[in-house]
Amino acid sequence: MTPNQARDALLETGQVTSQSVRLALRLGRECTEQRKADETYLRCPRCYGYHPVRSSFDNPCDSCQPTILRHYPSHQSVPYIKAVLAKWSIIPP
């Protein structure tokens, strides 16, 4: 179970206890530690979260890429992000 799945399960039950919160935090730490040890994950330079490698300039994560595209259209990484998104068929070329 991922940390997000644990959080969603807690919110759906409506029974958030201190024990369930500690369990979600522990799962989150374990997931982060696993990603740190895995060579296929990189750290995002914007939000500092770990994400799978997609070979884009400066390696922003999937959640930071739309933010860069929307709010910083003149940023040097925009053409690289668009190329990677087109390669992964997320946006048309």
N, C-alpha and C. Protein backbone atom coordinates (compact mmCIF):
# COMPACT_ATOMS: atom_id res chain seq x y z
N MET A 1 0.85 -1.17 0.00
CA MET A 1 0.00 0.00 0.00
C MET A 1 0.89 1.23 0.00
N THR A 2 0.59 2.16 -0.88
CA THR A 2 1.37 3.38 -0.95
C THR A 2 0.86 4.37 0.09
N PRO A 3 1.63 5.41 0.39
CA PRO A 3 1.17 6.41 1.35
C PRO A 3 -0.14 7.09 0.91
N ASN A 4 -0.27 7.34 -0.38
CA ASN A 4 -1.50 7.98 -0.86
C ASN A 4 -2.70 7.05 -0.71
N GLN A 5 -2.51 5.77 -0.96
CA GLN A 5 -3.59 4.81 -0.77
C GLN A 5 -3.97 4.71 0.70
N ALA A 6 -2.98 4.73 1.58
CA ALA A 6 -3.25 4.69 3.02
C ALA A 6 -4.02 5.92 3.46
N ARG A 7 -3.61 7.08 2.95
CA ARG A 7 -4.31 8.33 3.29
C ARG A 7 -5.75 8.29 2.80
N ASP A 8 -5.96 7.84 1.57
CA ASP A 8 -7.31 7.77 1.01
C ASP A 8 -8.18 6.79 1.79
N ALA A 9 -7.60 5.67 2.18
CA ALA A 9 -8.36 4.70 2.97
C ALA A 9 -8.77 5.29 4.31
N LEU A 10 -7.87 6.04 4.92
CA LEU A 10 -8.20 6.67 6.20
C LEU A 10 -9.32 7.69 6.04
N LEU A 11 -9.26 8.47 4.98
CA LEU A 11 -10.28 9.50 4.77
C LEU A 11 -11.64 8.89 4.43
N GLU A 12 -11.64 7.76 3.70
CA GLU A 12 -12.90 7.12 3.34
C GLU A 12 -13.60 6.52 4.55
N THR A 13 -12.85 5.99 5.49
CA THR A 13 -13.47 5.38 6.67
C THR A 13 -14.00 6.43 7.63
N GLY A 14 -13.40 7.60 7.61
CA GLY A 14 -13.83 8.65 8.52
C GLY A 14 -13.34 8.45 9.94
N GLN A 15 -12.53 7.43 10.16
CA GLN A 15 -12.03 7.12 11.49
C GLN A 15 -10.53 7.39 11.53
N VAL A 16 -10.17 8.62 11.62
CA VAL A 16 -8.76 8.98 11.66
C VAL A 16 -8.33 9.01 13.13
N THR A 17 -7.43 8.09 13.46
CA THR A 17 -6.92 8.01 14.82
C THR A 17 -5.43 8.31 14.80
N SER A 18 -4.87 8.52 15.96
CA SER A 18 -3.44 8.79 16.02
C SER A 18 -2.64 7.59 15.53
N GLN A 19 -3.13 6.38 15.78
CA GLN A 19 -2.44 5.19 15.31
C GLN A 19 -2.47 5.11 13.78
N SER A 20 -3.60 5.41 13.17
CA SER A 20 -3.69 5.34 11.72
C SER A 20 -2.84 6.43 11.06
N VAL A 21 -2.74 7.58 11.70
CA VAL A 21 -1.89 8.65 11.16
C VAL A 21 -0.42 8.23 11.24
N ARG A 22 -0.03 7.62 12.36
CA ARG A 22 1.35 7.14 12.49
C ARG A 22 1.66 6.08 11.44
N LEU A 23 0.70 5.21 11.16
CA LEU A 23 0.90 4.18 10.14
C LEU A 23 1.09 4.82 8.76
N ALA A 24 0.29 5.82 8.42
CA ALA A 24 0.43 6.50 7.13
C ALA A 24 1.77 7.21 7.02
N LEU A 25 2.22 7.84 8.10
CA LEU A 25 3.52 8.50 8.08
C LEU A 25 4.66 7.50 7.93
N ARG A 26 4.54 6.37 8.60
CA ARG A 26 5.58 5.33 8.49
C ARG A 26 5.63 4.79 7.06
N LEU A 27 4.47 4.55 6.47
CA LEU A 27 4.44 4.07 5.08
C LEU A 27 5.06 5.09 4.14
N GLY A 28 4.80 6.36 4.39
CA GLY A 28 5.39 7.41 3.57
C GLY A 28 6.91 7.44 3.68
N ARG A 29 7.42 7.30 4.89
CA ARG A 29 8.87 7.27 5.08
C ARG A 29 9.50 6.06 4.40
N GLU A 30 8.84 4.91 4.54
CA GLU A 30 9.36 3.69 3.90
C GLU A 30 9.39 3.84 2.39
N CYS A 31 8.36 4.41 1.83
CA CYS A 31 8.29 4.60 0.37
C CYS A 31 9.39 5.55 -0.08
N THR A 32 9.62 6.62 0.66
CA THR A 32 10.69 7.57 0.31
C THR A 32 12.05 6.92 0.40
N GLU A 33 12.28 6.12 1.44
CA GLU A 33 13.56 5.44 1.60
C GLU A 33 13.80 4.44 0.47
N GLN A 34 12.74 3.74 0.05
CA GLN A 34 12.89 2.81 -1.06
C GLN A 34 13.24 3.55 -2.34
N ARG A 35 12.61 4.68 -2.56
CA ARG A 35 12.88 5.46 -3.76
C ARG A 35 14.29 6.06 -3.74
N LYS A 36 14.77 6.45 -2.56
CA LYS A 36 16.13 6.96 -2.47
C LYS A 36 17.14 5.89 -2.85
N ALA A 37 16.88 4.65 -2.46
CA ALA A 37 17.80 3.56 -2.72
C ALA A 37 17.71 3.06 -4.16
N ASP A 38 16.60 3.32 -4.81
CA ASP A 38 16.39 2.84 -6.18
C ASP A 38 17.06 3.78 -7.17
N GLU A 39 17.83 3.22 -8.09
CA GLU A 39 18.57 4.03 -9.06
C GLU A 39 17.68 4.59 -10.16
N THR A 40 16.46 4.08 -10.29
CA THR A 40 15.59 4.56 -11.35
C THR A 40 14.76 5.78 -10.92
N TYR A 41 15.00 6.30 -9.74
CA TYR A 41 14.30 7.48 -9.25
C TYR A 41 15.28 8.63 -9.10
N LEU A 42 14.81 9.83 -9.42
CA LEU A 42 15.59 11.06 -9.24
C LEU A 42 14.83 12.02 -8.36
N ARG A 43 15.53 12.98 -7.83
CA ARG A 43 14.91 13.98 -6.99
C ARG A 43 14.55 15.20 -7.83
N CYS A 44 13.34 15.67 -7.70
CA CYS A 44 12.87 16.83 -8.46
C CYS A 44 13.56 18.09 -7.92
N PRO A 45 14.11 18.93 -8.80
CA PRO A 45 14.78 20.14 -8.32
C PRO A 45 13.82 21.21 -7.83
N ARG A 46 12.53 21.06 -8.11
CA ARG A 46 11.56 22.07 -7.70
C ARG A 46 10.88 21.72 -6.38
N CYS A 47 10.35 20.49 -6.28
CA CYS A 47 9.61 20.11 -5.06
C CYS A 47 10.39 19.15 -4.17
N TYR A 48 11.53 18.67 -4.65
CA TYR A 48 12.41 17.76 -3.92
C TYR A 48 11.80 16.39 -3.65
N GLY A 49 10.74 16.04 -4.38
CA GLY A 49 10.17 14.70 -4.28
C GLY A 49 10.90 13.75 -5.21
N TYR A 50 10.77 12.45 -4.97
CA TYR A 50 11.41 11.45 -5.82
C TYR A 50 10.42 10.99 -6.88
N HIS A 51 10.91 10.82 -8.11
CA HIS A 51 10.06 10.44 -9.22
C HIS A 51 10.83 9.56 -10.18
N PRO A 52 10.12 8.79 -11.04
CA PRO A 52 10.81 7.95 -12.02
C PRO A 52 11.53 8.80 -13.05
N VAL A 53 12.60 8.28 -13.59
CA VAL A 53 13.40 8.99 -14.59
C VAL A 53 12.64 9.02 -15.91
N ARG A 54 12.55 10.21 -16.50
CA ARG A 54 11.93 10.35 -17.81
C ARG A 54 12.84 11.07 -18.79
N SER A 55 14.04 11.35 -18.42
CA SER A 55 15.06 11.94 -19.29
C SER A 55 14.68 13.31 -19.84
N SER A 56 14.23 14.19 -19.00
CA SER A 56 13.98 15.56 -19.44
C SER A 56 15.04 16.47 -18.84
N PHE A 57 15.13 17.66 -19.38
CA PHE A 57 16.10 18.63 -18.90
C PHE A 57 15.82 18.97 -17.46
N ASP A 58 16.79 18.89 -16.62
CA ASP A 58 16.71 19.26 -15.21
C ASP A 58 15.83 18.31 -14.39
N ASN A 59 15.20 17.31 -15.04
CA ASN A 59 14.42 16.26 -14.39
C ASN A 59 13.34 16.72 -13.42
N PRO A 60 12.41 17.62 -13.82
CA PRO A 60 11.29 17.93 -12.93
C PRO A 60 10.31 16.76 -12.90
N CYS A 61 9.58 16.62 -11.81
CA CYS A 61 8.64 15.51 -11.68
C CYS A 61 7.38 15.80 -12.50
N ASP A 62 6.51 14.80 -12.58
CA ASP A 62 5.30 14.92 -13.39
C ASP A 62 4.35 16.00 -12.87
N SER A 63 4.34 16.24 -11.58
CA SER A 63 3.45 17.27 -11.05
C SER A 63 4.02 18.67 -11.20
N CYS A 64 5.34 18.80 -11.31
CA CYS A 64 5.96 20.12 -11.47
C CYS A 64 6.04 20.55 -12.93
N GLN A 65 6.03 19.59 -13.86
CA GLN A 65 6.13 19.95 -15.27
C GLN A 65 5.00 20.86 -15.74
N PRO A 66 3.72 20.56 -15.44
CA PRO A 66 2.65 21.48 -15.88
C PRO A 66 2.77 22.87 -15.24
N THR A 67 3.26 22.92 -14.02
CA THR A 67 3.44 24.21 -13.36
C THR A 67 4.48 25.04 -14.08
N ILE A 68 5.58 24.41 -14.47
CA ILE A 68 6.63 25.12 -15.20
C ILE A 68 6.09 25.58 -16.55
N LEU A 69 5.37 24.68 -17.25
CA LEU A 69 4.83 25.03 -18.55
C LEU A 69 3.84 26.19 -18.47
N ARG A 70 3.00 26.20 -17.44
CA ARG A 70 1.95 27.21 -17.31
C ARG A 70 2.48 28.54 -16.80
N HIS A 71 3.31 28.51 -15.77
CA HIS A 71 3.71 29.75 -15.10
C HIS A 71 5.06 30.31 -15.55
N TYR A 72 5.87 29.48 -16.17
CA TYR A 72 7.19 29.94 -16.61
C TYR A 72 7.42 29.54 -18.07
N PRO A 73 6.64 30.08 -19.01
CA PRO A 73 6.75 29.63 -20.41
C PRO A 73 8.08 29.96 -21.07
N SER A 74 8.84 30.89 -20.51
CA SER A 74 10.13 31.23 -21.10
C SER A 74 11.30 30.51 -20.43
N HIS A 75 11.00 29.58 -19.51
CA HIS A 75 12.05 28.84 -18.82
C HIS A 75 12.81 27.98 -19.81
N GLN A 76 14.08 27.78 -19.58
CA GLN A 76 14.93 27.04 -20.52
C GLN A 76 14.55 25.57 -20.64
N SER A 77 13.83 25.03 -19.69
CA SER A 77 13.48 23.61 -19.75
C SER A 77 12.17 23.34 -20.50
N VAL A 78 11.41 24.38 -20.87
CA VAL A 78 10.11 24.19 -21.51
C VAL A 78 10.19 23.36 -22.80
N PRO A 79 11.11 23.65 -23.73
CA PRO A 79 11.16 22.81 -24.95
C PRO A 79 11.48 21.35 -24.65
N TYR A 80 12.32 21.10 -23.67
CA TYR A 80 12.67 19.73 -23.30
C TYR A 80 11.48 19.01 -22.66
N ILE A 81 10.75 19.72 -21.81
CA ILE A 81 9.58 19.12 -21.17
C ILE A 81 8.54 18.76 -22.22
N LYS A 82 8.30 19.68 -23.17
CA LYS A 82 7.33 19.40 -24.23
C LYS A 82 7.76 18.21 -25.08
N ALA A 83 9.05 18.09 -25.35
CA ALA A 83 9.54 16.96 -26.14
C ALA A 83 9.34 15.64 -25.40
N VAL A 84 9.60 15.63 -24.11
CA VAL A 84 9.42 14.41 -23.32
C VAL A 84 7.95 14.05 -23.22
N LEU A 85 7.09 15.05 -22.99
CA LEU A 85 5.65 14.77 -22.90
C LEU A 85 5.11 14.24 -24.23
N ALA A 86 5.60 14.77 -25.34
CA ALA A 86 5.20 14.27 -26.65
C ALA A 86 5.70 12.84 -26.85
N LYS A 87 6.92 12.57 -26.40
CA LYS A 87 7.49 11.22 -26.52
C LYS A 87 6.66 10.20 -25.75
N TRP A 88 6.19 10.60 -24.58
CA TRP A 88 5.40 9.70 -23.75
C TRP A 88 3.92 9.77 -24.09
N SER A 89 3.58 10.47 -25.16
CA SER A 89 2.20 10.60 -25.65
C SER A 89 1.27 11.21 -24.62
N ILE A 90 1.78 12.13 -23.83
CA ILE A 90 0.95 12.80 -22.84
C ILE A 90 0.31 14.05 -23.47
N ILE A 91 1.03 14.72 -24.31
CA ILE A 91 0.49 15.83 -25.07
C ILE A 91 0.87 15.66 -26.53
N PRO A 92 0.08 16.17 -27.46
CA PRO A 92 0.47 16.05 -28.88
C PRO A 92 1.68 16.90 -29.18
N PRO A 93 2.52 16.50 -30.17
CA PRO A 93 3.73 17.26 -30.49
C PRO A 93 3.46 18.64 -31.03
